[in-house]
Amino acid sequence: MRPHRIHWPAIVTAMLASFLFEAGWYSVFLNQWVIGIGHDMQWLTASPTVRPAFQFAVALLCSFITASVLSLAIQASGPQTFFRGIKVGIVVWFGFIATALAKNYIFEVRPASLYAINLGYGLIDIILIGAIVGAWKGKPKLS
């Protein structure tokens, strides 16, 4: 069994790319997303429960963890490549993200439009992360 390693520049780059993609995605779908969660724009701008600095920090941490774990899964599945990163990302998305969200949404009786927004984000995000950490191998270890 070959050793797995975390290539930190790839992880940090994937984390930042994920964060920026998330900001863009939810900016595009902001109105539909706010309606889907049962609120309005006034709530979003005036609610004391909305704490952007904390929320952004959590988003960055989650993207960091996703990139780290996905990197290990890619390496465990075979040679680390751009396309393997995408394939592993899709498998993880389908097997864990799509199914977990489906169970939550069906029991929370959330709208299908919100499921589509969040599921689409999750798919593209994990493909982006997988492509970056899959393609970016870093320097080989010296013995």
N, C-alpha and C. Protein backbone atom coordinates (compact mmCIF):
# COMPACT_ATOMS: atom_id res chain seq x y z
N MET A 1 0.85 -1.18 0.00
CA MET A 1 0.00 0.00 0.00
C MET A 1 0.89 1.24 0.00
N ARG A 2 0.63 2.11 -0.91
CA ARG A 2 1.44 3.33 -0.98
C ARG A 2 0.94 4.37 0.01
N PRO A 3 1.83 5.19 0.51
CA PRO A 3 1.41 6.20 1.50
C PRO A 3 0.60 7.32 0.82
N HIS A 4 -0.33 7.83 1.57
CA HIS A 4 -1.12 8.97 1.11
C HIS A 4 -0.54 10.23 1.73
N ARG A 5 -0.60 11.30 0.97
CA ARG A 5 -0.08 12.55 1.51
C ARG A 5 -1.02 13.70 1.15
N ILE A 6 -0.97 14.68 1.99
CA ILE A 6 -1.75 15.88 1.75
C ILE A 6 -0.81 16.93 1.14
N HIS A 7 -1.18 17.40 -0.02
CA HIS A 7 -0.40 18.45 -0.68
C HIS A 7 -1.08 19.78 -0.34
N TRP A 8 -0.54 20.46 0.66
CA TRP A 8 -1.19 21.65 1.23
C TRP A 8 -1.48 22.76 0.23
N PRO A 9 -0.60 23.08 -0.71
CA PRO A 9 -0.97 24.13 -1.67
C PRO A 9 -2.22 23.77 -2.49
N ALA A 10 -2.35 22.50 -2.84
CA ALA A 10 -3.55 22.06 -3.58
C ALA A 10 -4.79 22.17 -2.70
N ILE A 11 -4.68 21.78 -1.44
CA ILE A 11 -5.82 21.84 -0.53
C ILE A 11 -6.27 23.29 -0.33
N VAL A 12 -5.32 24.18 -0.09
CA VAL A 12 -5.66 25.58 0.14
C VAL A 12 -6.25 26.20 -1.13
N THR A 13 -5.68 25.88 -2.29
CA THR A 13 -6.21 26.39 -3.55
C THR A 13 -7.63 25.88 -3.78
N ALA A 14 -7.86 24.59 -3.54
CA ALA A 14 -9.20 24.02 -3.71
C ALA A 14 -10.18 24.65 -2.73
N MET A 15 -9.74 24.88 -1.50
CA MET A 15 -10.58 25.52 -0.50
C MET A 15 -11.01 26.91 -0.97
N LEU A 16 -10.07 27.70 -1.43
CA LEU A 16 -10.37 29.06 -1.88
C LEU A 16 -11.24 29.06 -3.14
N ALA A 17 -10.96 28.14 -4.07
CA ALA A 17 -11.77 28.04 -5.28
C ALA A 17 -13.21 27.65 -4.92
N SER A 18 -13.35 26.73 -4.00
CA SER A 18 -14.67 26.31 -3.54
C SER A 18 -15.42 27.48 -2.90
N PHE A 19 -14.74 28.22 -2.05
CA PHE A 19 -15.34 29.36 -1.36
C PHE A 19 -15.82 30.42 -2.35
N LEU A 20 -14.99 30.72 -3.33
CA LEU A 20 -15.35 31.72 -4.34
C LEU A 20 -16.48 31.22 -5.23
N PHE A 21 -16.44 29.94 -5.58
CA PHE A 21 -17.52 29.37 -6.38
C PHE A 21 -18.84 29.43 -5.62
N GLU A 22 -18.79 29.08 -4.33
CA GLU A 22 -19.99 29.12 -3.50
C GLU A 22 -20.58 30.54 -3.45
N ALA A 23 -19.71 31.52 -3.29
CA ALA A 23 -20.18 32.91 -3.25
C ALA A 23 -20.86 33.29 -4.57
N GLY A 24 -20.27 32.90 -5.67
CA GLY A 24 -20.88 33.19 -6.97
C GLY A 24 -22.18 32.45 -7.19
N TRP A 25 -22.20 31.17 -6.85
CA TRP A 25 -23.39 30.33 -7.05
C TRP A 25 -24.59 30.89 -6.27
N TYR A 26 -24.36 31.14 -4.99
CA TYR A 26 -25.47 31.61 -4.17
C TYR A 26 -25.81 33.08 -4.42
N SER A 27 -24.91 33.82 -5.03
CA SER A 27 -25.26 35.18 -5.47
C SER A 27 -26.24 35.11 -6.64
N VAL A 28 -25.97 34.19 -7.57
CA VAL A 28 -26.85 34.01 -8.72
C VAL A 28 -28.23 33.53 -8.28
N PHE A 29 -28.29 32.60 -7.34
CA PHE A 29 -29.55 32.00 -6.92
C PHE A 29 -30.07 32.58 -5.59
N LEU A 30 -29.59 33.75 -5.21
CA LEU A 30 -29.91 34.31 -3.90
C LEU A 30 -31.41 34.44 -3.64
N ASN A 31 -32.13 35.05 -4.56
CA ASN A 31 -33.56 35.25 -4.34
C ASN A 31 -34.31 33.93 -4.20
N GLN A 32 -34.04 32.98 -5.09
CA GLN A 32 -34.70 31.68 -5.03
C GLN A 32 -34.31 30.92 -3.77
N TRP A 33 -33.04 31.05 -3.38
CA TRP A 33 -32.56 30.36 -2.18
C TRP A 33 -33.24 30.92 -0.93
N VAL A 34 -33.31 32.24 -0.81
CA VAL A 34 -33.95 32.86 0.36
C VAL A 34 -35.42 32.45 0.45
N ILE A 35 -36.11 32.44 -0.67
CA ILE A 35 -37.51 32.00 -0.68
C ILE A 35 -37.59 30.53 -0.28
N GLY A 36 -36.67 29.72 -0.81
CA GLY A 36 -36.66 28.29 -0.52
C GLY A 36 -36.45 27.97 0.96
N ILE A 37 -35.68 28.82 1.66
CA ILE A 37 -35.47 28.57 3.09
C ILE A 37 -36.57 29.22 3.93
N GLY A 38 -37.56 29.81 3.26
CA GLY A 38 -38.72 30.33 3.95
C GLY A 38 -38.56 31.73 4.54
N HIS A 39 -37.69 32.51 3.93
CA HIS A 39 -37.46 33.88 4.41
C HIS A 39 -37.56 34.85 3.25
N ASP A 40 -37.22 36.10 3.51
CA ASP A 40 -37.18 37.11 2.46
C ASP A 40 -35.87 37.90 2.61
N MET A 41 -35.63 38.78 1.67
CA MET A 41 -34.37 39.53 1.67
C MET A 41 -34.25 40.43 2.90
N GLN A 42 -35.37 40.93 3.39
CA GLN A 42 -35.33 41.76 4.59
C GLN A 42 -34.78 40.96 5.77
N TRP A 43 -35.21 39.71 5.91
CA TRP A 43 -34.70 38.86 6.98
C TRP A 43 -33.18 38.68 6.83
N LEU A 44 -32.75 38.46 5.59
CA LEU A 44 -31.33 38.22 5.34
C LEU A 44 -30.47 39.41 5.73
N THR A 45 -30.96 40.60 5.50
CA THR A 45 -30.16 41.79 5.79
C THR A 45 -30.33 42.30 7.22
N ALA A 46 -31.43 41.93 7.89
CA ALA A 46 -31.70 42.51 9.21
C ALA A 46 -31.62 41.52 10.36
N SER A 47 -31.57 40.23 10.08
CA SER A 47 -31.61 39.23 11.14
C SER A 47 -30.33 39.22 11.96
N PRO A 48 -30.45 39.22 13.30
CA PRO A 48 -29.25 39.14 14.14
C PRO A 48 -28.60 37.75 14.09
N THR A 49 -29.32 36.76 13.56
CA THR A 49 -28.74 35.42 13.46
C THR A 49 -27.81 35.28 12.27
N VAL A 50 -27.87 36.23 11.34
CA VAL A 50 -26.97 36.23 10.18
C VAL A 50 -25.66 36.89 10.62
N ARG A 51 -24.60 36.09 10.70
CA ARG A 51 -23.29 36.59 11.12
C ARG A 51 -22.26 36.22 10.04
N PRO A 52 -22.10 37.06 9.04
CA PRO A 52 -21.28 36.71 7.88
C PRO A 52 -19.87 36.25 8.22
N ALA A 53 -19.17 36.90 9.13
CA ALA A 53 -17.78 36.50 9.41
C ALA A 53 -17.73 35.07 9.92
N PHE A 54 -18.60 34.71 10.83
CA PHE A 54 -18.64 33.35 11.35
C PHE A 54 -19.06 32.37 10.26
N GLN A 55 -20.07 32.73 9.48
CA GLN A 55 -20.55 31.86 8.42
C GLN A 55 -19.48 31.62 7.35
N PHE A 56 -18.75 32.67 6.99
CA PHE A 56 -17.68 32.52 6.01
C PHE A 56 -16.55 31.65 6.56
N ALA A 57 -16.23 31.82 7.82
CA ALA A 57 -15.18 31.00 8.45
C ALA A 57 -15.58 29.52 8.43
N VAL A 58 -16.83 29.23 8.75
CA VAL A 58 -17.30 27.85 8.72
C VAL A 58 -17.28 27.31 7.29
N ALA A 59 -17.68 28.11 6.33
CA ALA A 59 -17.66 27.69 4.92
C ALA A 59 -16.23 27.35 4.48
N LEU A 60 -15.28 28.20 4.84
CA LEU A 60 -13.87 27.93 4.50
C LEU A 60 -13.38 26.64 5.17
N LEU A 61 -13.69 26.46 6.43
CA LEU A 61 -13.29 25.25 7.15
C LEU A 61 -13.88 24.01 6.49
N CYS A 62 -15.16 24.07 6.15
CA CYS A 62 -15.80 22.92 5.50
C CYS A 62 -15.17 22.62 4.14
N SER A 63 -14.84 23.64 3.37
CA SER A 63 -14.18 23.43 2.08
C SER A 63 -12.79 22.84 2.28
N PHE A 64 -12.10 23.27 3.32
CA PHE A 64 -10.77 22.72 3.64
C PHE A 64 -10.88 21.23 3.97
N ILE A 65 -11.85 20.87 4.78
CA ILE A 65 -12.04 19.46 5.16
C ILE A 65 -12.43 18.64 3.94
N THR A 66 -13.35 19.15 3.13
CA THR A 66 -13.76 18.44 1.92
C THR A 66 -12.56 18.19 1.01
N ALA A 67 -11.75 19.21 0.78
CA ALA A 67 -10.58 19.06 -0.09
C ALA A 67 -9.59 18.05 0.48
N SER A 68 -9.38 18.06 1.77
CA SER A 68 -8.44 17.13 2.40
C SER A 68 -8.92 15.69 2.29
N VAL A 69 -10.18 15.46 2.62
CA VAL A 69 -10.73 14.10 2.59
C VAL A 69 -10.84 13.60 1.15
N LEU A 70 -11.26 14.46 0.25
CA LEU A 70 -11.36 14.06 -1.15
C LEU A 70 -9.99 13.74 -1.72
N SER A 71 -8.97 14.48 -1.33
CA SER A 71 -7.61 14.18 -1.76
C SER A 71 -7.20 12.77 -1.34
N LEU A 72 -7.50 12.42 -0.11
CA LEU A 72 -7.17 11.07 0.38
C LEU A 72 -7.97 10.01 -0.37
N ALA A 73 -9.25 10.27 -0.63
CA ALA A 73 -10.08 9.31 -1.37
C ALA A 73 -9.57 9.12 -2.80
N ILE A 74 -9.15 10.20 -3.42
CA ILE A 74 -8.61 10.10 -4.78
C ILE A 74 -7.36 9.24 -4.79
N GLN A 75 -6.46 9.50 -3.85
CA GLN A 75 -5.22 8.73 -3.78
C GLN A 75 -5.49 7.26 -3.46
N ALA A 76 -6.47 6.98 -2.62
CA ALA A 76 -6.79 5.60 -2.25
C ALA A 76 -7.40 4.82 -3.40
N SER A 77 -8.00 5.54 -4.36
CA SER A 77 -8.69 4.86 -5.45
C SER A 77 -7.78 4.53 -6.64
N GLY A 78 -6.57 5.02 -6.62
CA GLY A 78 -5.66 4.75 -7.73
C GLY A 78 -4.77 5.95 -7.99
N PRO A 79 -4.21 6.01 -9.20
CA PRO A 79 -3.33 7.13 -9.53
C PRO A 79 -4.06 8.47 -9.40
N GLN A 80 -3.37 9.43 -8.87
CA GLN A 80 -3.92 10.76 -8.66
C GLN A 80 -3.84 11.54 -9.96
N THR A 81 -5.02 11.79 -10.57
CA THR A 81 -5.10 12.52 -11.83
C THR A 81 -6.27 13.49 -11.80
N PHE A 82 -6.27 14.40 -12.74
CA PHE A 82 -7.37 15.36 -12.91
C PHE A 82 -8.69 14.61 -13.07
N PHE A 83 -8.74 13.64 -13.99
CA PHE A 83 -9.99 12.93 -14.27
C PHE A 83 -10.41 12.01 -13.12
N ARG A 84 -9.46 11.40 -12.44
CA ARG A 84 -9.81 10.59 -11.27
C ARG A 84 -10.40 11.49 -10.19
N GLY A 85 -9.85 12.69 -10.04
CA GLY A 85 -10.40 13.64 -9.07
C GLY A 85 -11.85 13.95 -9.36
N ILE A 86 -12.17 14.16 -10.63
CA ILE A 86 -13.55 14.45 -11.03
C ILE A 86 -14.43 13.23 -10.77
N LYS A 87 -13.96 12.04 -11.18
CA LYS A 87 -14.75 10.82 -11.01
C LYS A 87 -15.03 10.52 -9.54
N VAL A 88 -14.00 10.61 -8.72
CA VAL A 88 -14.18 10.35 -7.29
C VAL A 88 -15.12 11.40 -6.69
N GLY A 89 -14.98 12.65 -7.11
CA GLY A 89 -15.88 13.70 -6.64
C GLY A 89 -17.33 13.39 -6.98
N ILE A 90 -17.60 12.93 -8.19
CA ILE A 90 -18.97 12.60 -8.60
C ILE A 90 -19.51 11.42 -7.79
N VAL A 91 -18.67 10.40 -7.59
CA VAL A 91 -19.11 9.24 -6.81
C VAL A 91 -19.44 9.65 -5.38
N VAL A 92 -18.58 10.45 -4.78
CA VAL A 92 -18.82 10.92 -3.41
C VAL A 92 -20.08 11.78 -3.37
N TRP A 93 -20.25 12.66 -4.34
CA TRP A 93 -21.45 13.50 -4.40
C TRP A 93 -22.70 12.64 -4.47
N PHE A 94 -22.72 11.69 -5.39
CA PHE A 94 -23.91 10.86 -5.57
C PHE A 94 -24.17 9.98 -4.35
N GLY A 95 -23.12 9.36 -3.83
CA GLY A 95 -23.28 8.43 -2.74
C GLY A 95 -23.55 9.05 -1.38
N PHE A 96 -23.07 10.25 -1.17
CA PHE A 96 -23.21 10.86 0.15
C PHE A 96 -23.99 12.18 0.15
N ILE A 97 -23.61 13.11 -0.71
CA ILE A 97 -24.23 14.43 -0.68
C ILE A 97 -25.66 14.40 -1.20
N ALA A 98 -25.87 13.86 -2.41
CA ALA A 98 -27.21 13.84 -3.00
C ALA A 98 -28.18 13.04 -2.13
N THR A 99 -27.73 11.92 -1.62
CA THR A 99 -28.62 11.08 -0.82
C THR A 99 -28.91 11.68 0.56
N ALA A 100 -27.89 12.24 1.20
CA ALA A 100 -28.12 12.86 2.52
C ALA A 100 -29.05 14.06 2.39
N LEU A 101 -28.83 14.89 1.38
CA LEU A 101 -29.72 16.03 1.17
C LEU A 101 -31.14 15.58 0.86
N ALA A 102 -31.29 14.53 0.05
CA ALA A 102 -32.62 14.03 -0.30
C ALA A 102 -33.39 13.60 0.94
N LYS A 103 -32.72 12.87 1.83
CA LYS A 103 -33.40 12.45 3.07
C LYS A 103 -33.79 13.65 3.91
N ASN A 104 -32.89 14.61 4.06
CA ASN A 104 -33.21 15.81 4.84
C ASN A 104 -34.38 16.57 4.24
N TYR A 105 -34.34 16.79 2.95
CA TYR A 105 -35.35 17.62 2.29
C TYR A 105 -36.72 16.95 2.31
N ILE A 106 -36.77 15.63 2.14
CA ILE A 106 -38.06 14.96 2.09
C ILE A 106 -38.74 14.99 3.46
N PHE A 107 -37.97 14.85 4.54
CA PHE A 107 -38.56 14.87 5.88
C PHE A 107 -38.77 16.29 6.40
N GLU A 108 -37.98 17.24 5.92
CA GLU A 108 -38.18 18.63 6.32
C GLU A 108 -39.23 19.32 5.44
N VAL A 109 -39.70 18.60 4.44
CA VAL A 109 -40.70 19.09 3.49
C VAL A 109 -40.25 20.42 2.89
N ARG A 110 -39.03 20.39 2.37
CA ARG A 110 -38.47 21.58 1.72
C ARG A 110 -38.78 21.52 0.23
N PRO A 111 -38.80 22.67 -0.44
CA PRO A 111 -39.14 22.70 -1.86
C PRO A 111 -38.06 22.06 -2.74
N ALA A 112 -38.53 21.45 -3.83
CA ALA A 112 -37.62 20.82 -4.78
C ALA A 112 -36.67 21.84 -5.39
N SER A 113 -37.12 23.09 -5.53
CA SER A 113 -36.26 24.13 -6.10
C SER A 113 -35.04 24.38 -5.20
N LEU A 114 -35.22 24.35 -3.90
CA LEU A 114 -34.10 24.53 -2.98
C LEU A 114 -33.15 23.33 -3.05
N TYR A 115 -33.73 22.13 -3.15
CA TYR A 115 -32.92 20.92 -3.32
C TYR A 115 -32.06 21.04 -4.58
N ALA A 116 -32.66 21.50 -5.66
CA ALA A 116 -31.92 21.64 -6.92
C ALA A 116 -30.79 22.66 -6.80
N ILE A 117 -31.05 23.78 -6.15
CA ILE A 117 -30.01 24.81 -5.97
C ILE A 117 -28.84 24.24 -5.17
N ASN A 118 -29.14 23.63 -4.04
CA ASN A 118 -28.09 23.11 -3.17
C ASN A 118 -27.40 21.89 -3.77
N LEU A 119 -28.16 21.04 -4.46
CA LEU A 119 -27.57 19.86 -5.08
C LEU A 119 -26.67 20.23 -6.25
N GLY A 120 -27.11 21.19 -7.06
CA GLY A 120 -26.28 21.66 -8.17
C GLY A 120 -24.99 22.27 -7.68
N TYR A 121 -25.10 23.08 -6.64
CA TYR A 121 -23.89 23.64 -6.03
C TYR A 121 -22.96 22.52 -5.57
N GLY A 122 -23.51 21.56 -4.84
CA GLY A 122 -22.68 20.47 -4.30
C GLY A 122 -21.96 19.69 -5.38
N LEU A 123 -22.64 19.42 -6.48
CA LEU A 123 -22.03 18.66 -7.58
C LEU A 123 -20.88 19.43 -8.21
N ILE A 124 -21.14 20.66 -8.61
CA ILE A 124 -20.09 21.43 -9.27
C ILE A 124 -18.94 21.71 -8.32
N ASP A 125 -19.26 21.99 -7.06
CA ASP A 125 -18.23 22.27 -6.07
C ASP A 125 -17.29 21.08 -5.87
N ILE A 126 -17.86 19.89 -5.72
CA ILE A 126 -17.00 18.73 -5.46
C ILE A 126 -16.22 18.32 -6.71
N ILE A 127 -16.78 18.58 -7.88
CA ILE A 127 -16.02 18.34 -9.12
C ILE A 127 -14.84 19.31 -9.19
N LEU A 128 -15.08 20.58 -8.86
CA LEU A 128 -14.02 21.58 -8.85
C LEU A 128 -12.91 21.20 -7.87
N ILE A 129 -13.30 20.85 -6.67
CA ILE A 129 -12.31 20.45 -5.65
C ILE A 129 -11.57 19.21 -6.11
N GLY A 130 -12.29 18.21 -6.60
CA GLY A 130 -11.66 16.97 -7.05
C GLY A 130 -10.68 17.19 -8.19
N ALA A 131 -11.04 18.06 -9.13
CA ALA A 131 -10.16 18.36 -10.26
C ALA A 131 -8.86 19.01 -9.78
N ILE A 132 -8.98 19.93 -8.84
CA ILE A 132 -7.78 20.64 -8.34
C ILE A 132 -6.88 19.69 -7.56
N VAL A 133 -7.43 19.00 -6.57
CA VAL A 133 -6.56 18.14 -5.75
C VAL A 133 -6.12 16.89 -6.51
N GLY A 134 -6.91 16.47 -7.51
CA GLY A 134 -6.51 15.33 -8.32
C GLY A 134 -5.36 15.66 -9.26
N ALA A 135 -5.43 16.83 -9.84
CA ALA A 135 -4.42 17.22 -10.83
C ALA A 135 -3.12 17.71 -10.20
N TRP A 136 -3.20 18.28 -9.04
CA TRP A 136 -2.05 18.94 -8.42
C TRP A 136 -1.36 17.98 -7.47
N LYS A 137 -0.36 17.30 -7.97
CA LYS A 137 0.31 16.25 -7.20
C LYS A 137 1.40 16.77 -6.28
N GLY A 138 2.02 17.87 -6.63
CA GLY A 138 3.12 18.36 -5.83
C GLY A 138 4.41 17.61 -6.11
N LYS A 139 5.39 17.90 -5.31
CA LYS A 139 6.70 17.26 -5.49
C LYS A 139 6.68 15.86 -4.90
N PRO A 140 7.34 14.92 -5.57
CA PRO A 140 7.40 13.57 -5.01
C PRO A 140 8.25 13.56 -3.73
N LYS A 141 7.91 12.64 -2.85
CA LYS A 141 8.68 12.51 -1.60
C LYS A 141 10.05 11.91 -1.90
N LEU A 142 11.05 12.41 -1.21
CA LEU A 142 12.39 11.84 -1.34
C LEU A 142 12.55 10.74 -0.30
N SER A 143 13.20 9.67 -0.67
CA SER A 143 13.38 8.54 0.27
C SER A 143 14.52 8.79 1.20
